[in-house]
N, C-alpha and C. Protein backbone atom coordinates (compact mmCIF):
# COMPACT_ATOMS: atom_id res chain seq x y z
N UNK A 1 -23.78 -12.96 -57.62
CA UNK A 1 -23.05 -11.82 -57.12
C UNK A 1 -23.83 -11.10 -56.05
N UNK A 2 -25.08 -11.20 -56.12
CA UNK A 2 -25.90 -10.52 -55.12
C UNK A 2 -25.64 -11.11 -53.74
N UNK A 3 -25.35 -12.42 -53.71
CA UNK A 3 -25.08 -13.04 -52.42
C UNK A 3 -23.78 -12.53 -51.81
N UNK A 4 -22.76 -12.31 -52.63
CA UNK A 4 -21.48 -11.80 -52.14
C UNK A 4 -21.61 -10.39 -51.62
N UNK A 5 -22.45 -9.61 -52.24
CA UNK A 5 -22.62 -8.23 -51.82
C UNK A 5 -23.35 -8.14 -50.49
N UNK A 6 -24.18 -9.11 -50.18
CA UNK A 6 -24.93 -9.07 -48.93
C UNK A 6 -24.14 -9.60 -47.74
N UNK A 7 -23.05 -10.31 -47.99
CA UNK A 7 -22.22 -10.81 -46.89
C UNK A 7 -21.49 -9.64 -46.23
N UNK A 8 -21.38 -9.70 -44.93
CA UNK A 8 -20.72 -8.62 -44.19
C UNK A 8 -19.25 -8.96 -44.00
N UNK A 9 -18.48 -8.88 -45.05
CA UNK A 9 -17.06 -9.17 -44.99
C UNK A 9 -16.30 -7.92 -44.58
N UNK A 10 -15.28 -8.13 -43.78
CA UNK A 10 -14.47 -7.00 -43.33
C UNK A 10 -13.06 -7.15 -43.85
N UNK A 11 -12.40 -6.06 -44.00
CA UNK A 11 -11.04 -6.07 -44.52
C UNK A 11 -10.07 -6.58 -43.44
N UNK A 12 -8.85 -6.95 -43.84
CA UNK A 12 -7.82 -7.44 -42.93
C UNK A 12 -7.38 -6.29 -42.03
N UNK A 13 -7.26 -6.59 -40.72
CA UNK A 13 -6.81 -5.58 -39.77
C UNK A 13 -5.35 -5.83 -39.43
N UNK A 14 -4.54 -4.84 -39.57
CA UNK A 14 -3.13 -4.93 -39.22
C UNK A 14 -2.95 -4.68 -37.73
N UNK A 15 -1.94 -5.27 -37.11
CA UNK A 15 -1.72 -5.03 -35.68
C UNK A 15 -1.39 -3.57 -35.42
N UNK A 16 -1.66 -3.14 -34.20
CA UNK A 16 -1.41 -1.76 -33.84
C UNK A 16 0.08 -1.47 -33.76
N UNK A 17 0.41 -0.21 -33.68
CA UNK A 17 1.81 0.22 -33.66
C UNK A 17 2.51 -0.15 -32.36
N UNK A 18 1.78 -0.34 -31.28
CA UNK A 18 2.41 -0.63 -30.00
C UNK A 18 2.42 -2.12 -29.69
N UNK A 19 2.21 -2.98 -30.64
CA UNK A 19 2.20 -4.42 -30.40
C UNK A 19 3.64 -4.92 -30.27
N UNK A 20 3.90 -5.78 -29.30
CA UNK A 20 5.24 -6.31 -29.06
C UNK A 20 5.49 -7.59 -29.86
N UNK A 21 4.42 -8.25 -30.28
CA UNK A 21 4.60 -9.54 -30.95
C UNK A 21 5.35 -9.44 -32.27
N UNK A 22 5.04 -8.48 -33.13
CA UNK A 22 5.82 -8.39 -34.38
C UNK A 22 7.30 -8.12 -34.12
N UNK A 23 7.61 -7.36 -33.09
CA UNK A 23 9.02 -7.11 -32.77
C UNK A 23 9.71 -8.40 -32.34
N UNK A 24 9.01 -9.22 -31.59
CA UNK A 24 9.58 -10.50 -31.15
C UNK A 24 9.85 -11.40 -32.34
N UNK A 25 8.92 -11.45 -33.24
CA UNK A 25 9.09 -12.29 -34.43
C UNK A 25 10.26 -11.79 -35.27
N UNK A 26 10.42 -10.49 -35.34
CA UNK A 26 11.50 -9.92 -36.14
C UNK A 26 12.87 -10.27 -35.55
N UNK A 27 12.99 -10.37 -34.21
CA UNK A 27 14.27 -10.64 -33.57
C UNK A 27 14.49 -12.10 -33.27
N UNK A 28 13.52 -12.95 -33.51
CA UNK A 28 13.66 -14.36 -33.18
C UNK A 28 13.83 -15.15 -34.45
N UNK A 29 14.66 -16.11 -34.53
CA UNK A 29 15.63 -16.60 -33.56
C UNK A 29 16.89 -15.75 -33.57
N UNK A 30 17.55 -15.70 -32.43
CA UNK A 30 18.77 -14.90 -32.34
C UNK A 30 19.87 -15.46 -33.25
N UNK A 31 20.78 -14.61 -33.60
CA UNK A 31 21.92 -15.02 -34.43
C UNK A 31 22.80 -15.98 -33.63
N UNK A 32 23.65 -16.70 -34.32
CA UNK A 32 24.50 -17.72 -33.70
C UNK A 32 25.43 -17.12 -32.66
N UNK A 33 25.83 -15.88 -32.84
CA UNK A 33 26.71 -15.23 -31.87
C UNK A 33 26.05 -15.08 -30.50
N UNK A 34 24.75 -14.78 -30.49
CA UNK A 34 24.04 -14.66 -29.22
C UNK A 34 23.93 -16.01 -28.52
N UNK A 35 23.72 -17.07 -29.29
CA UNK A 35 23.67 -18.40 -28.69
C UNK A 35 25.02 -18.77 -28.09
N UNK A 36 26.09 -18.47 -28.80
CA UNK A 36 27.44 -18.75 -28.29
C UNK A 36 27.74 -17.94 -27.03
N UNK A 37 27.29 -16.69 -27.01
CA UNK A 37 27.48 -15.86 -25.82
C UNK A 37 26.72 -16.43 -24.63
N UNK A 38 25.51 -16.89 -24.84
CA UNK A 38 24.72 -17.51 -23.78
C UNK A 38 25.41 -18.76 -23.23
N UNK A 39 25.91 -19.59 -24.11
CA UNK A 39 26.62 -20.80 -23.68
C UNK A 39 27.88 -20.43 -22.91
N UNK A 40 28.61 -19.42 -23.34
CA UNK A 40 29.81 -18.98 -22.65
C UNK A 40 29.49 -18.46 -21.25
N UNK A 41 28.44 -17.68 -21.11
CA UNK A 41 28.05 -17.15 -19.79
C UNK A 41 27.66 -18.29 -18.85
N UNK A 42 26.89 -19.24 -19.34
CA UNK A 42 26.50 -20.40 -18.50
C UNK A 42 27.74 -21.18 -18.08
N UNK A 43 28.68 -21.39 -18.99
CA UNK A 43 29.90 -22.11 -18.67
C UNK A 43 30.73 -21.37 -17.61
N UNK A 44 30.83 -20.06 -17.72
CA UNK A 44 31.60 -19.28 -16.74
C UNK A 44 30.94 -19.35 -15.37
N UNK A 45 29.62 -19.26 -15.31
CA UNK A 45 28.91 -19.38 -14.03
C UNK A 45 29.14 -20.74 -13.41
N UNK A 46 29.10 -21.79 -14.22
CA UNK A 46 29.33 -23.15 -13.73
C UNK A 46 30.76 -23.30 -13.16
N UNK A 47 31.74 -22.76 -13.86
CA UNK A 47 33.14 -22.83 -13.40
C UNK A 47 33.31 -22.06 -12.10
N UNK A 48 32.72 -20.88 -12.00
CA UNK A 48 32.85 -20.09 -10.77
C UNK A 48 32.21 -20.79 -9.57
N UNK A 49 31.05 -21.40 -9.77
CA UNK A 49 30.42 -22.15 -8.68
C UNK A 49 31.30 -23.31 -8.25
N UNK A 50 31.85 -23.99 -9.20
CA UNK A 50 32.71 -25.15 -8.89
C UNK A 50 33.96 -24.70 -8.12
N UNK A 51 34.57 -23.61 -8.54
CA UNK A 51 35.76 -23.12 -7.87
C UNK A 51 35.47 -22.65 -6.45
N UNK A 52 34.34 -21.95 -6.25
CA UNK A 52 34.03 -21.46 -4.90
C UNK A 52 33.69 -22.62 -3.98
N UNK A 53 33.06 -23.65 -4.48
CA UNK A 53 32.78 -24.82 -3.63
C UNK A 53 34.06 -25.50 -3.21
N UNK A 54 34.97 -25.68 -4.16
CA UNK A 54 36.24 -26.32 -3.81
C UNK A 54 37.03 -25.46 -2.83
N UNK A 55 36.99 -24.15 -3.01
CA UNK A 55 37.68 -23.25 -2.10
C UNK A 55 37.08 -23.34 -0.70
N UNK A 56 35.77 -23.42 -0.62
CA UNK A 56 35.11 -23.52 0.68
C UNK A 56 35.51 -24.81 1.39
N UNK A 57 35.61 -25.89 0.67
CA UNK A 57 35.99 -27.16 1.29
C UNK A 57 37.46 -27.14 1.71
N UNK A 58 38.31 -26.52 0.91
CA UNK A 58 39.72 -26.39 1.30
C UNK A 58 39.84 -25.55 2.57
N UNK A 59 39.08 -24.47 2.63
CA UNK A 59 39.09 -23.63 3.83
C UNK A 59 38.57 -24.40 5.03
N UNK A 60 37.53 -25.19 4.82
CA UNK A 60 36.97 -25.98 5.91
C UNK A 60 37.98 -27.00 6.43
N UNK A 61 38.76 -27.58 5.55
CA UNK A 61 39.80 -28.52 5.99
C UNK A 61 40.85 -27.81 6.83
N UNK A 62 41.22 -26.60 6.44
CA UNK A 62 42.19 -25.84 7.22
C UNK A 62 41.62 -25.45 8.58
N UNK A 63 40.35 -25.07 8.62
CA UNK A 63 39.71 -24.72 9.90
C UNK A 63 39.59 -25.96 10.78
N UNK A 64 39.31 -27.11 10.18
CA UNK A 64 39.23 -28.37 10.93
C UNK A 64 40.55 -28.67 11.63
N UNK A 65 41.65 -28.50 10.91
CA UNK A 65 42.97 -28.73 11.50
C UNK A 65 43.25 -27.69 12.59
N UNK A 66 42.85 -26.45 12.37
CA UNK A 66 43.07 -25.40 13.37
C UNK A 66 42.29 -25.69 14.65
N UNK A 67 41.08 -26.16 14.51
CA UNK A 67 40.28 -26.51 15.70
C UNK A 67 40.92 -27.67 16.43
N UNK A 68 41.37 -28.65 15.68
CA UNK A 68 41.96 -29.84 16.29
C UNK A 68 43.25 -29.52 17.03
N UNK A 69 44.05 -28.60 16.53
CA UNK A 69 45.34 -28.28 17.14
C UNK A 69 45.27 -27.18 18.20
N UNK A 70 44.11 -26.57 18.36
CA UNK A 70 43.97 -25.47 19.32
C UNK A 70 43.99 -26.03 20.74
N UNK A 71 45.04 -25.71 21.48
CA UNK A 71 45.20 -26.21 22.85
C UNK A 71 44.39 -25.40 23.86
N UNK A 72 43.97 -24.20 23.50
CA UNK A 72 43.25 -23.34 24.43
C UNK A 72 41.79 -23.76 24.60
N UNK A 73 41.25 -24.50 23.65
CA UNK A 73 39.84 -24.91 23.72
C UNK A 73 39.70 -26.24 24.46
N UNK A 74 38.60 -26.36 25.19
CA UNK A 74 38.29 -27.64 25.84
C UNK A 74 37.67 -28.58 24.80
N UNK A 75 37.48 -29.82 25.17
CA UNK A 75 36.92 -30.79 24.23
C UNK A 75 35.48 -30.42 23.87
N UNK A 76 34.71 -29.91 24.81
CA UNK A 76 33.33 -29.52 24.49
C UNK A 76 33.30 -28.31 23.56
N UNK A 77 34.24 -27.39 23.72
CA UNK A 77 34.31 -26.24 22.80
C UNK A 77 34.71 -26.69 21.40
N UNK A 78 35.66 -27.63 21.34
CA UNK A 78 36.07 -28.16 20.04
C UNK A 78 34.90 -28.87 19.36
N UNK A 79 34.12 -29.60 20.14
CA UNK A 79 32.96 -30.29 19.58
C UNK A 79 31.94 -29.30 19.04
N UNK A 80 31.70 -28.23 19.78
CA UNK A 80 30.76 -27.21 19.33
C UNK A 80 31.26 -26.53 18.05
N UNK A 81 32.54 -26.20 17.99
CA UNK A 81 33.12 -25.58 16.79
C UNK A 81 33.06 -26.53 15.60
N UNK A 82 33.26 -27.81 15.87
CA UNK A 82 33.19 -28.81 14.81
C UNK A 82 31.77 -28.90 14.25
N UNK A 83 30.79 -28.84 15.12
CA UNK A 83 29.38 -28.85 14.68
C UNK A 83 29.08 -27.66 13.78
N UNK A 84 29.54 -26.49 14.17
CA UNK A 84 29.31 -25.28 13.39
C UNK A 84 29.98 -25.39 12.02
N UNK A 85 31.20 -25.89 12.00
CA UNK A 85 31.94 -26.01 10.75
C UNK A 85 31.24 -26.97 9.78
N UNK A 86 30.83 -28.12 10.26
CA UNK A 86 30.18 -29.10 9.40
C UNK A 86 28.85 -28.55 8.87
N UNK A 87 28.12 -27.85 9.71
CA UNK A 87 26.84 -27.26 9.29
C UNK A 87 27.06 -26.21 8.20
N UNK A 88 28.09 -25.38 8.36
CA UNK A 88 28.38 -24.35 7.36
C UNK A 88 28.75 -24.96 6.01
N UNK A 89 29.58 -25.99 6.06
CA UNK A 89 29.98 -26.64 4.80
C UNK A 89 28.77 -27.29 4.15
N UNK A 90 27.93 -27.93 4.94
CA UNK A 90 26.74 -28.58 4.38
C UNK A 90 25.82 -27.57 3.72
N UNK A 91 25.66 -26.41 4.35
CA UNK A 91 24.79 -25.40 3.75
C UNK A 91 25.42 -24.77 2.52
N UNK A 92 26.73 -24.80 2.44
CA UNK A 92 27.39 -24.24 1.25
C UNK A 92 27.33 -25.22 0.08
N UNK A 93 27.43 -26.51 0.37
CA UNK A 93 27.48 -27.51 -0.68
C UNK A 93 26.07 -27.89 -1.16
N UNK A 94 25.12 -27.99 -0.26
CA UNK A 94 23.75 -28.38 -0.60
C UNK A 94 22.84 -27.15 -0.54
N UNK A 95 21.66 -27.28 -1.10
CA UNK A 95 20.72 -26.15 -1.00
C UNK A 95 20.38 -25.84 0.46
N UNK A 96 20.37 -24.58 0.79
CA UNK A 96 20.15 -24.14 2.16
C UNK A 96 18.80 -24.61 2.72
N UNK A 97 17.77 -24.60 1.88
CA UNK A 97 16.45 -25.02 2.32
C UNK A 97 16.43 -26.50 2.72
N UNK A 98 17.30 -27.27 2.11
CA UNK A 98 17.34 -28.71 2.38
C UNK A 98 18.09 -29.00 3.69
N UNK A 99 19.07 -28.20 4.04
CA UNK A 99 19.98 -28.54 5.13
C UNK A 99 19.72 -27.74 6.41
N UNK A 100 19.34 -26.49 6.29
CA UNK A 100 19.32 -25.58 7.44
C UNK A 100 18.39 -26.03 8.55
N UNK A 101 17.30 -26.67 8.24
CA UNK A 101 16.32 -27.04 9.27
C UNK A 101 16.55 -28.43 9.85
N UNK A 102 17.53 -29.15 9.37
CA UNK A 102 17.76 -30.52 9.86
C UNK A 102 18.37 -30.51 11.26
N UNK A 103 17.84 -31.36 12.12
CA UNK A 103 18.39 -31.54 13.47
C UNK A 103 18.29 -33.01 13.84
N UNK A 104 19.03 -33.39 14.86
CA UNK A 104 18.93 -34.73 15.42
C UNK A 104 19.19 -35.83 14.41
N UNK A 105 18.29 -36.81 14.38
CA UNK A 105 18.46 -37.99 13.52
C UNK A 105 18.42 -37.62 12.04
N UNK A 106 17.61 -36.64 11.66
CA UNK A 106 17.55 -36.23 10.25
C UNK A 106 18.88 -35.60 9.81
N UNK A 107 19.50 -34.84 10.69
CA UNK A 107 20.80 -34.23 10.38
C UNK A 107 21.86 -35.32 10.22
N UNK A 108 21.86 -36.28 11.11
CA UNK A 108 22.84 -37.37 11.04
C UNK A 108 22.61 -38.22 9.79
N UNK A 109 21.35 -38.45 9.42
CA UNK A 109 21.06 -39.21 8.20
C UNK A 109 21.55 -38.45 6.97
N UNK A 110 21.42 -37.13 6.98
CA UNK A 110 21.94 -36.33 5.87
C UNK A 110 23.46 -36.49 5.78
N UNK A 111 24.14 -36.44 6.91
CA UNK A 111 25.60 -36.59 6.90
C UNK A 111 26.01 -37.99 6.44
N UNK A 112 25.19 -38.99 6.77
CA UNK A 112 25.50 -40.37 6.37
C UNK A 112 25.39 -40.60 4.87
N UNK A 113 24.67 -39.73 4.16
CA UNK A 113 24.50 -39.91 2.71
C UNK A 113 25.81 -39.85 1.95
N UNK A 114 26.82 -39.20 2.51
CA UNK A 114 28.08 -39.01 1.79
C UNK A 114 29.14 -40.07 2.12
N UNK A 115 28.96 -40.80 3.20
CA UNK A 115 29.97 -41.78 3.62
C UNK A 115 29.34 -43.15 3.77
N UNK A 116 30.17 -44.17 3.79
CA UNK A 116 29.69 -45.55 3.90
C UNK A 116 29.47 -45.94 5.37
N UNK A 117 28.62 -46.89 5.57
CA UNK A 117 28.38 -47.56 6.85
C UNK A 117 27.71 -46.69 7.91
N UNK A 118 27.11 -45.60 7.55
CA UNK A 118 26.34 -44.73 8.47
C UNK A 118 27.08 -44.43 9.78
N UNK A 119 28.29 -43.88 9.73
CA UNK A 119 29.02 -43.62 10.97
C UNK A 119 28.47 -42.46 11.79
N UNK A 120 27.66 -41.62 11.20
CA UNK A 120 27.09 -40.52 11.96
C UNK A 120 25.87 -40.97 12.76
N UNK A 121 25.05 -41.83 12.18
CA UNK A 121 23.84 -42.28 12.87
C UNK A 121 24.13 -43.37 13.89
N UNK A 122 25.08 -44.23 13.59
CA UNK A 122 25.32 -45.38 14.47
C UNK A 122 26.68 -45.36 15.15
N UNK A 123 27.58 -44.51 14.73
CA UNK A 123 28.93 -44.52 15.28
C UNK A 123 29.27 -43.28 16.07
N UNK A 124 30.52 -42.89 15.96
CA UNK A 124 31.05 -41.77 16.73
C UNK A 124 30.43 -40.44 16.32
N UNK A 125 29.88 -40.39 15.12
CA UNK A 125 29.28 -39.16 14.62
C UNK A 125 28.01 -38.74 15.34
N UNK A 126 27.48 -39.59 16.21
CA UNK A 126 26.28 -39.25 16.96
C UNK A 126 26.48 -38.02 17.84
N UNK A 127 27.70 -37.74 18.19
CA UNK A 127 27.99 -36.55 19.01
C UNK A 127 27.59 -35.26 18.29
N UNK A 128 27.58 -35.28 16.95
CA UNK A 128 27.23 -34.08 16.19
C UNK A 128 25.73 -33.84 16.15
N UNK A 129 24.94 -34.81 16.54
CA UNK A 129 23.50 -34.68 16.46
C UNK A 129 22.91 -33.68 17.41
N UNK A 130 23.42 -33.63 18.64
CA UNK A 130 22.82 -32.74 19.64
C UNK A 130 23.85 -31.97 20.45
N UNK A 131 25.02 -31.80 19.92
CA UNK A 131 26.09 -31.11 20.66
C UNK A 131 25.77 -29.64 20.89
N UNK A 132 24.97 -29.04 20.04
CA UNK A 132 24.60 -27.63 20.23
C UNK A 132 23.66 -27.44 21.40
N UNK A 133 22.84 -28.45 21.66
CA UNK A 133 21.74 -28.27 22.60
C UNK A 133 22.02 -28.80 24.00
N UNK A 134 22.92 -29.75 24.10
CA UNK A 134 23.27 -30.26 25.42
C UNK A 134 24.76 -30.56 25.45
N UNK A 135 25.40 -30.25 26.55
CA UNK A 135 26.83 -30.52 26.63
C UNK A 135 27.10 -32.03 26.65
N UNK A 136 28.08 -32.44 25.88
CA UNK A 136 28.43 -33.86 25.80
C UNK A 136 29.79 -34.06 26.44
N UNK A 137 29.91 -35.14 27.15
CA UNK A 137 31.20 -35.54 27.71
C UNK A 137 31.86 -36.46 26.69
N UNK A 138 32.87 -35.95 26.03
CA UNK A 138 33.57 -36.70 25.01
C UNK A 138 35.04 -36.76 25.38
N UNK A 139 35.61 -37.92 25.23
CA UNK A 139 37.03 -38.08 25.56
C UNK A 139 37.89 -37.58 24.40
N UNK A 140 39.16 -37.41 24.68
CA UNK A 140 40.08 -36.94 23.64
C UNK A 140 40.20 -37.97 22.51
N UNK A 141 40.17 -39.26 22.86
CA UNK A 141 40.27 -40.30 21.83
C UNK A 141 39.03 -40.28 20.93
N UNK A 142 37.86 -40.13 21.53
CA UNK A 142 36.63 -40.06 20.73
C UNK A 142 36.61 -38.80 19.86
N UNK A 143 37.11 -37.71 20.41
CA UNK A 143 37.17 -36.47 19.64
C UNK A 143 38.12 -36.62 18.45
N UNK A 144 39.22 -37.33 18.64
CA UNK A 144 40.14 -37.60 17.53
C UNK A 144 39.47 -38.42 16.44
N UNK A 145 38.69 -39.42 16.84
CA UNK A 145 37.95 -40.22 15.86
C UNK A 145 36.91 -39.36 15.13
N UNK A 146 36.28 -38.47 15.86
CA UNK A 146 35.28 -37.60 15.26
C UNK A 146 35.91 -36.64 14.26
N UNK A 147 37.09 -36.13 14.57
CA UNK A 147 37.80 -35.28 13.62
C UNK A 147 38.15 -36.06 12.35
N UNK A 148 38.58 -37.31 12.51
CA UNK A 148 38.87 -38.14 11.34
C UNK A 148 37.63 -38.39 10.49
N UNK A 149 36.51 -38.64 11.16
CA UNK A 149 35.25 -38.85 10.44
C UNK A 149 34.83 -37.59 9.69
N UNK A 150 34.98 -36.44 10.32
CA UNK A 150 34.61 -35.18 9.67
C UNK A 150 35.54 -34.89 8.48
N UNK A 151 36.80 -35.25 8.60
CA UNK A 151 37.72 -35.08 7.48
C UNK A 151 37.32 -35.99 6.31
N UNK A 152 36.90 -37.21 6.62
CA UNK A 152 36.41 -38.12 5.58
C UNK A 152 35.17 -37.55 4.92
N UNK A 153 34.28 -36.97 5.72
CA UNK A 153 33.06 -36.38 5.18
C UNK A 153 33.39 -35.21 4.25
N UNK A 154 34.37 -34.39 4.65
CA UNK A 154 34.78 -33.26 3.80
C UNK A 154 35.36 -33.75 2.47
N UNK A 155 36.15 -34.81 2.51
CA UNK A 155 36.70 -35.36 1.27
C UNK A 155 35.59 -35.86 0.37
N UNK A 156 34.56 -36.46 0.97
CA UNK A 156 33.42 -36.96 0.17
C UNK A 156 32.66 -35.80 -0.46
N UNK A 157 32.58 -34.66 0.21
CA UNK A 157 31.90 -33.50 -0.36
C UNK A 157 32.69 -32.97 -1.55
N UNK A 158 33.98 -33.06 -1.48
CA UNK A 158 34.83 -32.60 -2.58
C UNK A 158 34.62 -33.46 -3.82
N UNK A 159 34.32 -34.74 -3.65
CA UNK A 159 34.10 -35.63 -4.78
C UNK A 159 32.74 -35.40 -5.43
N UNK A 160 31.77 -34.90 -4.67
CA UNK A 160 30.42 -34.69 -5.20
C UNK A 160 30.30 -33.41 -6.01
N UNK A 161 31.32 -32.60 -6.03
CA UNK A 161 31.24 -31.32 -6.73
C UNK A 161 31.41 -31.53 -8.21
């Protein structure tokens, strides 16, 4: 017993009154209702994102037709408006950091990811690569093909949602 008396044993220390850990333990795990509420909120956010993306693509299709039918614009103006429209849709559908800085061949390669046979890099879609920076001479027939290609690209974006 003498050995036990010489040991410097200390009593159990309880946590302080301002400790957050015991409160966390007391409230964890949440009741089933909180888990269901969390799942419901995530589902609503997912539905809203899906609906706004589809709405944006529907609006883009309407704007595409409006640009195509606008008789007051020249072919170079239509090409510039088409470039702006495709860029806006791409930034809405994909992460902005991924799309906003793309130009030239990288931009065309990004557009080719959604359609078959790389029509943007090797076909009529090449006009979209540098139309903002230098004026392009494009015929009405080529512009019609480009509008068709952009419409195909928009349909492909609708499938990826």
